[in-house]
């Protein structure tokens, strides 16, 4: 059986590396990207089980990417875990309305990240 594919999208290389290290022993295929436009194009071409995306990125925020993704994905709703250091309640409300599945506060602990991803994987993958 193929491993579930998840996408890690963050413009900071150090953050991507840490997140990937956190997931090393998990039964996942992890695809790392740093550019939101590249990620959007790949998300529209390929299938992923979960998207883990930073909110604050140059060029396109995580919510802007989500808006474009949701407009193009039809009936399927990819689970999206938004990473943010921002505690603004208005941002959280807006993000939920746009279809963010879950929020994780940066810096995220390894066990918190693993548990969040596991909650959104297909049941056959856990």
PDB file of N, CA and C in Angstrom:
ATOM      1  N   UNK A   1       0.845  -1.183   0.000  1.00  0.00           N
ATOM      2  CA  UNK A   1       0.000   0.000   0.000  1.00  0.00           C
ATOM      3  C   UNK A   1       0.889   1.246   0.000  1.00  0.00           C
ATOM      4  N   UNK A   2       0.541   2.207  -0.820  1.00  0.00           N
ATOM      5  CA  UNK A   2       1.318   3.447  -0.914  1.00  0.00           C
ATOM      6  C   UNK A   2       1.154   4.277   0.356  1.00  0.00           C
ATOM      7  N   UNK A   3       2.219   4.951   0.710  1.00  0.00           N
ATOM      8  CA  UNK A   3       2.169   5.840   1.873  1.00  0.00           C
ATOM      9  C   UNK A   3       1.348   7.076   1.517  1.00  0.00           C
ATOM     10  N   UNK A   4       0.575   7.604   2.473  1.00  0.00           N
ATOM     11  CA  UNK A   4      -0.128   8.859   2.223  1.00  0.00           C
ATOM     12  C   UNK A   4       0.880   9.975   1.961  1.00  0.00           C
ATOM     13  N   UNK A   5       0.560  10.829   1.000  1.00  0.00           N
ATOM     14  CA  UNK A   5       1.437  11.949   0.660  1.00  0.00           C
ATOM     15  C   UNK A   5       0.940  13.199   1.358  1.00  0.00           C
ATOM     16  N   UNK A   6       1.856  13.894   2.016  1.00  0.00           N
ATOM     17  CA  UNK A   6       1.512  15.179   2.593  1.00  0.00           C
ATOM     18  C   UNK A   6       2.458  16.228   2.011  1.00  0.00           C
ATOM     19  N   UNK A   7       1.975  17.458   1.953  1.00  0.00           N
ATOM     20  CA  UNK A   7       2.805  18.561   1.488  1.00  0.00           C
ATOM     21  C   UNK A   7       3.089  19.484   2.658  1.00  0.00           C
ATOM     22  N   UNK A   8       4.377  19.810   2.825  1.00  0.00           N
ATOM     23  CA  UNK A   8       4.816  20.820   3.790  1.00  0.00           C
ATOM     24  C   UNK A   8       5.178  22.054   2.992  1.00  0.00           C
ATOM     25  N   UNK A   9       4.502  23.155   3.254  1.00  0.00           N
ATOM     26  CA  UNK A   9       4.764  24.401   2.535  1.00  0.00           C
ATOM     27  C   UNK A   9       5.126  25.487   3.539  1.00  0.00           C
ATOM     28  N   UNK A  10       6.376  25.917   3.466  1.00  0.00           N
ATOM     29  CA  UNK A  10       6.860  26.998   4.322  1.00  0.00           C
ATOM     30  C   UNK A  10       8.027  27.643   3.595  1.00  0.00           C
ATOM     31  N   UNK A  11       8.091  28.963   3.608  1.00  0.00           N
ATOM     32  CA  UNK A  11       9.173  29.654   2.907  1.00  0.00           C
ATOM     33  C   UNK A  11      10.501  29.572   3.652  1.00  0.00           C
ATOM     34  N   UNK A  12      10.485  29.169   4.917  1.00  0.00           N
ATOM     35  CA  UNK A  12      11.711  29.075   5.708  1.00  0.00           C
ATOM     36  C   UNK A  12      12.275  27.654   5.647  1.00  0.00           C
ATOM     37  N   UNK A  13      13.472  27.520   5.095  1.00  0.00           N
ATOM     38  CA  UNK A  13      14.109  26.206   4.942  1.00  0.00           C
ATOM     39  C   UNK A  13      14.294  25.510   6.284  1.00  0.00           C
ATOM     40  N   UNK A  14      14.665  26.254   7.311  1.00  0.00           N
ATOM     41  CA  UNK A  14      14.886  25.662   8.631  1.00  0.00           C
ATOM     42  C   UNK A  14      13.603  25.049   9.170  1.00  0.00           C
ATOM     43  N   UNK A  15      12.491  25.747   9.006  1.00  0.00           N
ATOM     44  CA  UNK A  15      11.204  25.225   9.478  1.00  0.00           C
ATOM     45  C   UNK A  15      10.828  23.961   8.722  1.00  0.00           C
ATOM     46  N   UNK A  16      10.978  23.987   7.400  1.00  0.00           N
ATOM     47  CA  UNK A  16      10.667  22.787   6.604  1.00  0.00           C
ATOM     48  C   UNK A  16      11.519  21.601   7.048  1.00  0.00           C
ATOM     49  N   UNK A  17      12.794  21.838   7.266  1.00  0.00           N
ATOM     50  CA  UNK A  17      13.691  20.759   7.689  1.00  0.00           C
ATOM     51  C   UNK A  17      13.257  20.188   9.028  1.00  0.00           C
ATOM     52  N   UNK A  18      12.945  21.059   9.986  1.00  0.00           N
ATOM     53  CA  UNK A  18      12.496  20.583  11.301  1.00  0.00           C
ATOM     54  C   UNK A  18      11.204  19.788  11.201  1.00  0.00           C
ATOM     55  N   UNK A  19      10.253  20.294  10.436  1.00  0.00           N
ATOM     56  CA  UNK A  19       8.978  19.584  10.294  1.00  0.00           C
ATOM     57  C   UNK A  19       9.194  18.214   9.667  1.00  0.00           C
ATOM     58  N   UNK A  20      10.056  18.161   8.660  1.00  0.00           N
ATOM     59  CA  UNK A  20      10.322  16.876   8.008  1.00  0.00           C
ATOM     60  C   UNK A  20      11.026  15.917   8.980  1.00  0.00           C
ATOM     61  N   UNK A  21      11.946  16.421   9.780  1.00  0.00           N
ATOM     62  CA  UNK A  21      12.605  15.580  10.789  1.00  0.00           C
ATOM     63  C   UNK A  21      11.575  15.029  11.777  1.00  0.00           C
ATOM     64  N   UNK A  22      10.623  15.864  12.179  1.00  0.00           N
ATOM     65  CA  UNK A  22       9.574  15.424  13.100  1.00  0.00           C
ATOM     66  C   UNK A  22       8.812  14.225  12.529  1.00  0.00           C
ATOM     67  N   UNK A  23       8.721  14.157  11.199  1.00  0.00           N
ATOM     68  CA  UNK A  23       7.901  13.138  10.543  1.00  0.00           C
ATOM     69  C   UNK A  23       8.703  11.962   9.985  1.00  0.00           C
ATOM     70  N   UNK A  24       9.999  11.914  10.273  1.00  0.00           N
ATOM     71  CA  UNK A  24      10.876  10.894   9.685  1.00  0.00           C
ATOM     72  C   UNK A  24      10.385   9.466   9.866  1.00  0.00           C
ATOM     73  N   UNK A  25       9.929   9.107  11.023  1.00  0.00           N
ATOM     74  CA  UNK A  25       9.536   7.720  11.292  1.00  0.00           C
ATOM     75  C   UNK A  25       8.050   7.471  11.082  1.00  0.00           C
ATOM     76  N   UNK A  26       7.383   8.386  10.440  1.00  0.00           N
ATOM     77  CA  UNK A  26       5.960   8.224  10.176  1.00  0.00           C
ATOM     78  C   UNK A  26       5.770   7.547   8.814  1.00  0.00           C
ATOM     79  N   UNK A  27       4.698   6.791   8.647  1.00  0.00           N
ATOM     80  CA  UNK A  27       4.455   6.137   7.355  1.00  0.00           C
ATOM     81  C   UNK A  27       3.856   7.122   6.343  1.00  0.00           C
ATOM     82  N   UNK A  28       4.661   8.115   5.971  1.00  0.00           N
ATOM     83  CA  UNK A  28       4.200   9.183   5.084  1.00  0.00           C
ATOM     84  C   UNK A  28       5.239   9.448   4.010  1.00  0.00           C
ATOM     85  N   UNK A  29       4.762   9.925   2.879  1.00  0.00           N
ATOM     86  CA  UNK A  29       5.651  10.507   1.884  1.00  0.00           C
ATOM     87  C   UNK A  29       5.505  12.019   2.035  1.00  0.00           C
ATOM     88  N   UNK A  30       6.602  12.705   2.359  1.00  0.00           N
ATOM     89  CA  UNK A  30       6.565  14.138   2.620  1.00  0.00           C
ATOM     90  C   UNK A  30       7.175  14.884   1.437  1.00  0.00           C
ATOM     91  N   UNK A  31       6.400  15.795   0.885  1.00  0.00           N
ATOM     92  CA  UNK A  31       6.862  16.656  -0.199  1.00  0.00           C
ATOM     93  C   UNK A  31       7.016  18.055   0.384  1.00  0.00           C
ATOM     94  N   UNK A  32       8.209  18.625   0.268  1.00  0.00           N
ATOM     95  CA  UNK A  32       8.491  19.956   0.808  1.00  0.00           C
ATOM     96  C   UNK A  32       8.508  20.978  -0.322  1.00  0.00           C
ATOM     97  N   UNK A  33       7.885  22.113  -0.084  1.00  0.00           N
ATOM     98  CA  UNK A  33       7.942  23.217  -1.036  1.00  0.00           C
ATOM     99  C   UNK A  33       8.085  24.531  -0.278  1.00  0.00           C
ATOM    100  N   UNK A  34       8.687  25.508  -0.940  1.00  0.00           N
ATOM    101  CA  UNK A  34       8.904  26.812  -0.317  1.00  0.00           C
ATOM    102  C   UNK A  34       8.118  27.927  -0.981  1.00  0.00           C
ATOM    103  N   UNK A  35       7.636  27.686  -2.189  1.00  0.00           N
ATOM    104  CA  UNK A  35       6.972  28.731  -2.962  1.00  0.00           C
ATOM    105  C   UNK A  35       5.482  28.428  -3.084  1.00  0.00           C
ATOM    106  N   UNK A  36       4.618  29.318  -2.596  1.00  0.00           N
ATOM    107  CA  UNK A  36       3.180  29.059  -2.640  1.00  0.00           C
ATOM    108  C   UNK A  36       2.627  28.849  -4.055  1.00  0.00           C
ATOM    109  N   UNK A  37       3.115  29.592  -5.037  1.00  0.00           N
ATOM    110  CA  UNK A  37       2.618  29.422  -6.408  1.00  0.00           C
ATOM    111  C   UNK A  37       2.979  28.039  -6.944  1.00  0.00           C
ATOM    112  N   UNK A  38       4.199  27.580  -6.679  1.00  0.00           N
ATOM    113  CA  UNK A  38       4.614  26.235  -7.095  1.00  0.00           C
ATOM    114  C   UNK A  38       3.771  25.174  -6.382  1.00  0.00           C
ATOM    115  N   UNK A  39       3.512  25.395  -5.102  1.00  0.00           N
ATOM    116  CA  UNK A  39       2.710  24.448  -4.329  1.00  0.00           C
ATOM    117  C   UNK A  39       1.299  24.362  -4.887  1.00  0.00           C
ATOM    118  N   UNK A  40       0.709  25.501  -5.198  1.00  0.00           N
ATOM    119  CA  UNK A  40      -0.647  25.508  -5.745  1.00  0.00           C
ATOM    120  C   UNK A  40      -0.704  24.723  -7.052  1.00  0.00           C
ATOM    121  N   UNK A  41       0.266  24.945  -7.916  1.00  0.00           N
ATOM    122  CA  UNK A  41       0.305  24.220  -9.190  1.00  0.00           C
ATOM    123  C   UNK A  41       0.416  22.717  -8.954  1.00  0.00           C
ATOM    124  N   UNK A  42       1.265  22.322  -8.017  1.00  0.00           N
ATOM    125  CA  UNK A  42       1.434  20.895  -7.736  1.00  0.00           C
ATOM    126  C   UNK A  42       0.182  20.304  -7.091  1.00  0.00           C
ATOM    127  N   UNK A  43      -0.456  21.056  -6.210  1.00  0.00           N
ATOM    128  CA  UNK A  43      -1.690  20.589  -5.572  1.00  0.00           C
ATOM    129  C   UNK A  43      -2.801  20.389  -6.593  1.00  0.00           C
ATOM    130  N   UNK A  44      -2.796  21.171  -7.654  1.00  0.00           N
ATOM    131  CA  UNK A  44      -3.822  21.044  -8.684  1.00  0.00           C
ATOM    132  C   UNK A  44      -3.547  19.874  -9.631  1.00  0.00           C
ATOM    133  N   UNK A  45      -2.285  19.427  -9.685  1.00  0.00           N
ATOM    134  CA  UNK A  45      -1.907  18.316 -10.568  1.00  0.00           C
ATOM    135  C   UNK A  45      -1.880  16.966  -9.862  1.00  0.00           C
ATOM    136  N   UNK A  46      -1.539  16.974  -8.583  1.00  0.00           N
ATOM    137  CA  UNK A  46      -1.268  15.739  -7.859  1.00  0.00           C
ATOM    138  C   UNK A  46      -2.148  15.623  -6.627  1.00  0.00           C
ATOM    139  N   UNK A  47      -2.243  14.405  -6.136  1.00  0.00           N
ATOM    140  CA  UNK A  47      -3.084  14.134  -4.976  1.00  0.00           C
ATOM    141  C   UNK A  47      -2.247  14.093  -3.695  1.00  0.00           C
ATOM    142  N   UNK A  48      -2.758  14.745  -2.673  1.00  0.00           N
ATOM    143  CA  UNK A  48      -2.131  14.747  -1.354  1.00  0.00           C
ATOM    144  C   UNK A  48      -3.201  14.437  -0.317  1.00  0.00           C
ATOM    145  N   UNK A  49      -2.787  13.821   0.791  1.00  0.00           N
ATOM    146  CA  UNK A  49      -3.720  13.498   1.873  1.00  0.00           C
ATOM    147  C   UNK A  49      -3.933  14.680   2.800  1.00  0.00           C
ATOM    148  N   UNK A  50      -2.881  15.492   3.006  1.00  0.00           N
ATOM    149  CA  UNK A  50      -2.929  16.632   3.925  1.00  0.00           C
ATOM    150  C   UNK A  50      -1.961  17.703   3.420  1.00  0.00           C
ATOM    151  N   UNK A  51      -2.341  18.951   3.609  1.00  0.00           N
ATOM    152  CA  UNK A  51      -1.462  20.089   3.342  1.00  0.00           C
ATOM    153  C   UNK A  51      -1.155  20.767   4.671  1.00  0.00           C
ATOM    154  N   UNK A  52       0.134  20.908   4.981  1.00  0.00           N
ATOM    155  CA  UNK A  52       0.582  21.655   6.155  1.00  0.00           C
ATOM    156  C   UNK A  52       1.227  22.919   5.596  1.00  0.00           C
ATOM    157  N   UNK A  53       0.636  24.081   5.892  1.00  0.00           N
ATOM    158  CA  UNK A  53       1.070  25.324   5.255  1.00  0.00           C
ATOM    159  C   UNK A  53       1.261  26.440   6.279  1.00  0.00           C
ATOM    160  N   UNK A  54       2.353  27.165   6.111  1.00  0.00           N
ATOM    161  CA  UNK A  54       2.603  28.353   6.919  1.00  0.00           C
ATOM    162  C   UNK A  54       1.676  29.460   6.430  1.00  0.00           C
ATOM    163  N   UNK A  55       1.219  30.291   7.329  1.00  0.00           N
ATOM    164  CA  UNK A  55       0.352  31.392   6.914  1.00  0.00           C
ATOM    165  C   UNK A  55       1.152  32.564   6.343  1.00  0.00           C
ATOM    166  N   UNK A  56       2.209  32.954   7.009  1.00  0.00           N
ATOM    167  CA  UNK A  56       2.953  34.147   6.603  1.00  0.00           C
ATOM    168  C   UNK A  56       4.095  33.789   5.658  1.00  0.00           C
ATOM    169  N   UNK A  57       3.831  33.963   4.363  1.00  0.00           N
ATOM    170  CA  UNK A  57       4.840  33.709   3.335  1.00  0.00           C
ATOM    171  C   UNK A  57       4.834  34.874   2.358  1.00  0.00           C
ATOM    172  N   UNK A  58       5.990  35.184   1.775  1.00  0.00           N
ATOM    173  CA  UNK A  58       6.025  36.271   0.789  1.00  0.00           C
ATOM    174  C   UNK A  58       5.307  35.866  -0.492  1.00  0.00           C
ATOM    175  N   UNK A  59       4.626  36.824  -1.091  1.00  0.00           N
ATOM    176  CA  UNK A  59       3.969  36.576  -2.366  1.00  0.00           C
ATOM    177  C   UNK A  59       2.540  36.085  -2.251  1.00  0.00           C
ATOM    178  N   UNK A  60       2.283  35.204  -1.300  1.00  0.00           N
ATOM    179  CA  UNK A  60       0.941  34.652  -1.133  1.00  0.00           C
ATOM    180  C   UNK A  60       0.848  34.065   0.271  1.00  0.00           C
ATOM    181  N   UNK A  61      -0.115  34.503   1.047  1.00  0.00           N
ATOM    182  CA  UNK A  61      -0.291  33.938   2.385  1.00  0.00           C
ATOM    183  C   UNK A  61      -0.903  32.543   2.283  1.00  0.00           C
ATOM    184  N   UNK A  62      -0.862  31.831   3.382  1.00  0.00           N
ATOM    185  CA  UNK A  62      -1.512  30.524   3.426  1.00  0.00           C
ATOM    186  C   UNK A  62      -2.995  30.612   3.120  1.00  0.00           C
ATOM    187  N   UNK A  63      -3.657  31.669   3.584  1.00  0.00           N
ATOM    188  CA  UNK A  63      -5.091  31.819   3.303  1.00  0.00           C
ATOM    189  C   UNK A  63      -5.357  32.158   1.845  1.00  0.00           C
ATOM    190  N   UNK A  64      -4.498  32.957   1.239  1.00  0.00           N
ATOM    191  CA  UNK A  64      -4.655  33.253  -0.189  1.00  0.00           C
ATOM    192  C   UNK A  64      -4.493  31.972  -1.014  1.00  0.00           C
ATOM    193  N   UNK A  65      -3.518  31.162  -0.644  1.00  0.00           N
ATOM    194  CA  UNK A  65      -3.332  29.880  -1.322  1.00  0.00           C
ATOM    195  C   UNK A  65      -4.561  29.003  -1.130  1.00  0.00           C
ATOM    196  N   UNK A  66      -5.071  28.949   0.090  1.00  0.00           N
ATOM    197  CA  UNK A  66      -6.250  28.137   0.378  1.00  0.00           C
ATOM    198  C   UNK A  66      -7.452  28.589  -0.451  1.00  0.00           C
ATOM    199  N   UNK A  67      -7.648  29.883  -0.565  1.00  0.00           N
ATOM    200  CA  UNK A  67      -8.770  30.395  -1.353  1.00  0.00           C
ATOM    201  C   UNK A  67      -8.673  29.923  -2.804  1.00  0.00           C
ATOM    202  N   UNK A  68      -7.490  30.000  -3.378  1.00  0.00           N
ATOM    203  CA  UNK A  68      -7.293  29.551  -4.758  1.00  0.00           C
ATOM    204  C   UNK A  68      -7.456  28.039  -4.873  1.00  0.00           C
ATOM    205  N   UNK A  69      -6.957  27.325  -3.898  1.00  0.00           N
ATOM    206  CA  UNK A  69      -7.079  25.873  -3.908  1.00  0.00           C
ATOM    207  C   UNK A  69      -8.533  25.448  -3.828  1.00  0.00           C
ATOM    208  N   UNK A  70      -9.266  26.017  -2.891  1.00  0.00           N
ATOM    209  CA  UNK A  70     -10.672  25.641  -2.713  1.00  0.00           C
ATOM    210  C   UNK A  70     -11.500  25.967  -3.959  1.00  0.00           C
ATOM    211  N   UNK A  71     -11.143  27.031  -4.661  1.00  0.00           N
ATOM    212  CA  UNK A  71     -11.870  27.401  -5.877  1.00  0.00           C
ATOM    213  C   UNK A  71     -11.654  26.392  -6.998  1.00  0.00           C
ATOM    214  N   UNK A  72     -10.571  25.631  -6.933  1.00  0.00           N
ATOM    215  CA  UNK A  72     -10.240  24.737  -8.034  1.00  0.00           C
ATOM    216  C   UNK A  72     -10.396  23.250  -7.722  1.00  0.00           C
ATOM    217  N   UNK A  73     -10.682  22.892  -6.479  1.00  0.00           N
ATOM    218  CA  UNK A  73     -10.642  21.475  -6.159  1.00  0.00           C
ATOM    219  C   UNK A  73     -11.970  20.739  -6.228  1.00  0.00           C
ATOM    220  N   UNK A  74     -13.048  21.403  -6.589  1.00  0.00           N
ATOM    221  CA  UNK A  74     -14.326  20.719  -6.754  1.00  0.00           C
ATOM    222  C   UNK A  74     -14.861  20.173  -5.443  1.00  0.00           C
ATOM    223  N   UNK A  75     -15.347  18.941  -5.485  1.00  0.00           N
ATOM    224  CA  UNK A  75     -15.979  18.335  -4.308  1.00  0.00           C
ATOM    225  C   UNK A  75     -14.978  17.922  -3.236  1.00  0.00           C
ATOM    226  N   UNK A  76     -13.798  17.498  -3.643  1.00  0.00           N
ATOM    227  CA  UNK A  76     -12.807  17.038  -2.661  1.00  0.00           C
ATOM    228  C   UNK A  76     -12.277  18.220  -1.867  1.00  0.00           C
ATOM    229  N   UNK A  77     -12.233  18.072  -0.580  1.00  0.00           N
ATOM    230  CA  UNK A  77     -11.722  19.125   0.283  1.00  0.00           C
ATOM    231  C   UNK A  77     -10.489  18.607   1.007  1.00  0.00           C
ATOM    232  N   UNK A  78      -9.327  19.002   0.526  1.00  0.00           N
ATOM    233  CA  UNK A  78      -8.062  18.601   1.115  1.00  0.00           C
ATOM    234  C   UNK A  78      -7.958  19.142   2.544  1.00  0.00           C
ATOM    235  N   UNK A  79      -7.638  18.291   3.525  1.00  0.00           N
ATOM    236  CA  UNK A  79      -7.414  18.800   4.879  1.00  0.00           C
ATOM    237  C   UNK A  79      -6.206  19.742   4.888  1.00  0.00           C
ATOM    238  N   UNK A  80      -6.397  20.910   5.499  1.00  0.00           N
ATOM    239  CA  UNK A  80      -5.353  21.923   5.543  1.00  0.00           C
ATOM    240  C   UNK A  80      -5.059  22.262   7.000  1.00  0.00           C
ATOM    241  N   UNK A  81      -3.783  22.091   7.370  1.00  0.00           N
ATOM    242  CA  UNK A  81      -3.317  22.460   8.703  1.00  0.00           C
ATOM    243  C   UNK A  81      -2.508  23.738   8.535  1.00  0.00           C
ATOM    244  N   UNK A  82      -2.976  24.812   9.138  1.00  0.00           N
ATOM    245  CA  UNK A  82      -2.331  26.115   9.011  1.00  0.00           C
ATOM    246  C   UNK A  82      -1.397  26.344  10.191  1.00  0.00           C
ATOM    247  N   UNK A  83      -0.143  26.640   9.882  1.00  0.00           N
ATOM    248  CA  UNK A  83       0.844  26.978  10.908  1.00  0.00           C
ATOM    249  C   UNK A  83       0.915  28.491  11.018  1.00  0.00           C
ATOM    250  N   UNK A  84       0.789  28.986  12.228  1.00  0.00           N
ATOM    251  CA  UNK A  84       0.843  30.432  12.410  1.00  0.00           C
ATOM    252  C   UNK A  84       1.322  30.789  13.807  1.00  0.00           C
ATOM    253  N   UNK A  85       2.039  31.870  13.880  1.00  0.00           N
ATOM    254  CA  UNK A  85       2.424  32.427  15.166  1.00  0.00           C
ATOM    255  C   UNK A  85       1.457  33.512  15.587  1.00  0.00           C
ATOM    256  N   UNK A  86       0.497  33.800  14.748  1.00  0.00           N
ATOM    257  CA  UNK A  86      -0.469  34.872  14.963  1.00  0.00           C
ATOM    258  C   UNK A  86      -1.643  34.364  15.801  1.00  0.00           C
ATOM    259  N   UNK A  87      -1.929  35.052  16.890  1.00  0.00           N
ATOM    260  CA  UNK A  87      -3.045  34.657  17.748  1.00  0.00           C
ATOM    261  C   UNK A  87      -4.299  35.481  17.492  1.00  0.00           C
ATOM    262  N   UNK A  88      -4.341  36.199  16.413  1.00  0.00           N
ATOM    263  CA  UNK A  88      -5.478  37.047  16.067  1.00  0.00           C
ATOM    264  C   UNK A  88      -6.733  36.193  15.852  1.00  0.00           C
ATOM    265  N   UNK A  89      -7.719  36.375  16.704  1.00  0.00           N
ATOM    266  CA  UNK A  89      -8.956  35.595  16.618  1.00  0.00           C
ATOM    267  C   UNK A  89      -9.688  35.837  15.301  1.00  0.00           C
ATOM    268  N   UNK A  90      -9.616  37.051  14.777  1.00  0.00           N
ATOM    269  CA  UNK A  90     -10.272  37.331  13.499  1.00  0.00           C
ATOM    270  C   UNK A  90      -9.659  36.484  12.378  1.00  0.00           C
ATOM    271  N   UNK A  91      -8.350  36.302  12.412  1.00  0.00           N
ATOM    272  CA  UNK A  91      -7.684  35.444  11.431  1.00  0.00           C
ATOM    273  C   UNK A  91      -8.182  34.011  11.555  1.00  0.00           C
ATOM    274  N   UNK A  92      -8.304  33.518  12.767  1.00  0.00           N
ATOM    275  CA  UNK A  92      -8.770  32.152  12.979  1.00  0.00           C
ATOM    276  C   UNK A  92     -10.197  31.969  12.485  1.00  0.00           C
ATOM    277  N   UNK A  93     -11.060  32.924  12.757  1.00  0.00           N
ATOM    278  CA  UNK A  93     -12.449  32.845  12.302  1.00  0.00           C
ATOM    279  C   UNK A  93     -12.500  32.856  10.772  1.00  0.00           C
ATOM    280  N   UNK A  94     -11.768  33.770  10.170  1.00  0.00           N
ATOM    281  CA  UNK A  94     -11.735  33.863   8.706  1.00  0.00           C
ATOM    282  C   UNK A  94     -11.194  32.569   8.103  1.00  0.00           C
ATOM    283  N   UNK A  95     -10.137  32.051   8.680  1.00  0.00           N
ATOM    284  CA  UNK A  95      -9.522  30.832   8.167  1.00  0.00           C
ATOM    285  C   UNK A  95     -10.477  29.644   8.255  1.00  0.00           C
ATOM    286  N   UNK A  96     -11.166  29.517   9.365  1.00  0.00           N
ATOM    287  CA  UNK A  96     -12.149  28.425   9.513  1.00  0.00           C
ATOM    288  C   UNK A  96     -13.237  28.549   8.442  1.00  0.00           C
ATOM    289  N   UNK A  97     -13.709  29.763   8.225  1.00  0.00           N
ATOM    290  CA  UNK A  97     -14.741  29.979   7.215  1.00  0.00           C
ATOM    291  C   UNK A  97     -14.245  29.624   5.816  1.00  0.00           C
ATOM    292  N   UNK A  98     -12.947  29.768   5.589  1.00  0.00           N
ATOM    293  CA  UNK A  98     -12.365  29.463   4.279  1.00  0.00           C
ATOM    294  C   UNK A  98     -12.003  27.983   4.136  1.00  0.00           C
ATOM    295  N   UNK A  99     -12.112  27.223   5.209  1.00  0.00           N
ATOM    296  CA  UNK A  99     -11.878  25.798   5.101  1.00  0.00           C
ATOM    297  C   UNK A  99     -10.597  25.273   5.713  1.00  0.00           C
ATOM    298  N   UNK A 100      -9.941  26.061   6.582  1.00  0.00           N
ATOM    299  CA  UNK A 100      -8.795  25.524   7.307  1.00  0.00           C
ATOM    300  C   UNK A 100      -9.321  24.451   8.251  1.00  0.00           C
ATOM    301  N   UNK A 101      -8.679  23.309   8.233  1.00  0.00           N
ATOM    302  CA  UNK A 101      -9.120  22.177   9.036  1.00  0.00           C
ATOM    303  C   UNK A 101      -8.648  22.300  10.478  1.00  0.00           C
ATOM    304  N   UNK A 102      -7.405  22.785  10.630  1.00  0.00           N
ATOM    305  CA  UNK A 102      -6.813  22.842  11.958  1.00  0.00           C
ATOM    306  C   UNK A 102      -5.712  23.902  11.986  1.00  0.00           C
ATOM    307  N   UNK A 103      -5.513  24.490  13.168  1.00  0.00           N
ATOM    308  CA  UNK A 103      -4.434  25.463  13.395  1.00  0.00           C
ATOM    309  C   UNK A 103      -3.391  24.844  14.305  1.00  0.00           C
ATOM    310  N   UNK A 104      -2.123  25.118  14.001  1.00  0.00           N
ATOM    311  CA  UNK A 104      -1.044  24.771  14.917  1.00  0.00           C
ATOM    312  C   UNK A 104      -0.217  26.022  15.131  1.00  0.00           C
ATOM    313  N   UNK A 105       0.072  26.292  16.376  1.00  0.00           N
ATOM    314  CA  UNK A 105       0.854  27.476  16.741  1.00  0.00           C
ATOM    315  C   UNK A 105       2.336  27.187  16.563  1.00  0.00           C
ATOM    316  N   UNK A 106       3.031  28.097  15.890  1.00  0.00           N
ATOM    317  CA  UNK A 106       4.476  27.982  15.721  1.00  0.00           C
ATOM    318  C   UNK A 106       5.169  28.563  16.937  1.00  0.00           C
ATOM    319  N   UNK A 107       6.231  27.970  17.398  1.00  0.00           N
ATOM    320  CA  UNK A 107       6.820  26.722  16.913  1.00  0.00           C
ATOM    321  C   UNK A 107       6.000  25.524  17.378  1.00  0.00           C
ATOM    322  N   UNK A 108       5.810  24.575  16.490  1.00  0.00           N
ATOM    323  CA  UNK A 108       4.968  23.414  16.781  1.00  0.00           C
ATOM    324  C   UNK A 108       5.824  22.281  17.341  1.00  0.00           C
ATOM    325  N   UNK A 109       5.279  21.604  18.326  1.00  0.00           N
ATOM    326  CA  UNK A 109       5.962  20.448  18.929  1.00  0.00           C
ATOM    327  C   UNK A 109       5.791  19.228  18.029  1.00  0.00           C
ATOM    328  N   UNK A 110       6.791  18.356  17.985  1.00  0.00           N
ATOM    329  CA  UNK A 110       6.715  17.179  17.109  1.00  0.00           C
ATOM    330  C   UNK A 110       5.460  16.333  17.320  1.00  0.00           C
ATOM    331  N   UNK A 111       5.122  16.039  18.568  1.00  0.00           N
ATOM    332  CA  UNK A 111       3.959  15.193  18.821  1.00  0.00           C
ATOM    333  C   UNK A 111       2.654  15.864  18.418  1.00  0.00           C
ATOM    334  N   UNK A 112       2.592  17.172  18.546  1.00  0.00           N
ATOM    335  CA  UNK A 112       1.394  17.919  18.144  1.00  0.00           C
ATOM    336  C   UNK A 112       1.226  17.838  16.628  1.00  0.00           C
ATOM    337  N   UNK A 113       2.313  18.010  15.894  1.00  0.00           N
ATOM    338  CA  UNK A 113       2.258  17.913  14.434  1.00  0.00           C
ATOM    339  C   UNK A 113       1.847  16.514  13.995  1.00  0.00           C
ATOM    340  N   UNK A 114       2.471  15.497  14.559  1.00  0.00           N
ATOM    341  CA  UNK A 114       2.145  14.113  14.188  1.00  0.00           C
ATOM    342  C   UNK A 114       0.671  13.804  14.451  1.00  0.00           C
ATOM    343  N   UNK A 115       0.181  14.216  15.609  1.00  0.00           N
ATOM    344  CA  UNK A 115      -1.214  13.945  15.963  1.00  0.00           C
ATOM    345  C   UNK A 115      -2.176  14.674  15.025  1.00  0.00           C
ATOM    346  N   UNK A 116      -1.866  15.916  14.691  1.00  0.00           N
ATOM    347  CA  UNK A 116      -2.735  16.682  13.798  1.00  0.00           C
ATOM    348  C   UNK A 116      -2.806  16.026  12.426  1.00  0.00           C
ATOM    349  N   UNK A 117      -1.675  15.628  11.893  1.00  0.00           N
ATOM    350  CA  UNK A 117      -1.666  14.977  10.582  1.00  0.00           C
ATOM    351  C   UNK A 117      -2.439  13.654  10.651  1.00  0.00           C
ATOM    352  N   UNK A 118      -2.195  12.860  11.683  1.00  0.00           N
ATOM    353  CA  UNK A 118      -2.860  11.565  11.823  1.00  0.00           C
ATOM    354  C   UNK A 118      -4.378  11.706  11.860  1.00  0.00           C
ATOM    355  N   UNK A 119      -4.872  12.778  12.496  1.00  0.00           N
ATOM    356  CA  UNK A 119      -6.330  12.997  12.577  1.00  0.00           C
ATOM    357  C   UNK A 119      -6.961  13.174  11.205  1.00  0.00           C
ATOM    358  N   UNK A 120      -6.172  13.606  10.225  1.00  0.00           N
ATOM    359  CA  UNK A 120      -6.739  13.944   8.925  1.00  0.00           C
ATOM    360  C   UNK A 120      -6.368  12.969   7.810  1.00  0.00           C
ATOM    361  N   UNK A 121      -5.662  11.897   8.165  1.00  0.00           N
ATOM    362  CA  UNK A 121      -5.327  10.890   7.163  1.00  0.00           C
ATOM    363  C   UNK A 121      -6.508   9.945   6.976  1.00  0.00           C
ATOM    364  N   UNK A 122      -6.612   9.357   5.805  1.00  0.00           N
ATOM    365  CA  UNK A 122      -7.654   8.335   5.612  1.00  0.00           C
ATOM    366  C   UNK A 122      -7.478   7.243   6.651  1.00  0.00           C
ATOM    367  N   UNK A 123      -8.561   6.669   7.130  1.00  0.00           N
ATOM    368  CA  UNK A 123      -8.499   5.683   8.214  1.00  0.00           C
ATOM    369  C   UNK A 123      -7.654   4.471   7.860  1.00  0.00           C
ATOM    370  N   UNK A 124      -7.549   4.117   6.600  1.00  0.00           N
ATOM    371  CA  UNK A 124      -6.729   2.968   6.205  1.00  0.00           C
ATOM    372  C   UNK A 124      -5.238   3.271   6.331  1.00  0.00           C
ATOM    373  N   UNK A 125      -4.880   4.569   6.454  1.00  0.00           N
ATOM    374  CA  UNK A 125      -3.470   4.951   6.518  1.00  0.00           C
ATOM    375  C   UNK A 125      -2.948   5.043   7.941  1.00  0.00           C
ATOM    376  N   UNK A 126      -3.822   4.997   8.917  1.00  0.00           N
ATOM    377  CA  UNK A 126      -3.372   5.145  10.302  1.00  0.00           C
ATOM    378  C   UNK A 126      -3.218   3.827  10.996  1.00  0.00           C
TER     379      UNK A 126
END
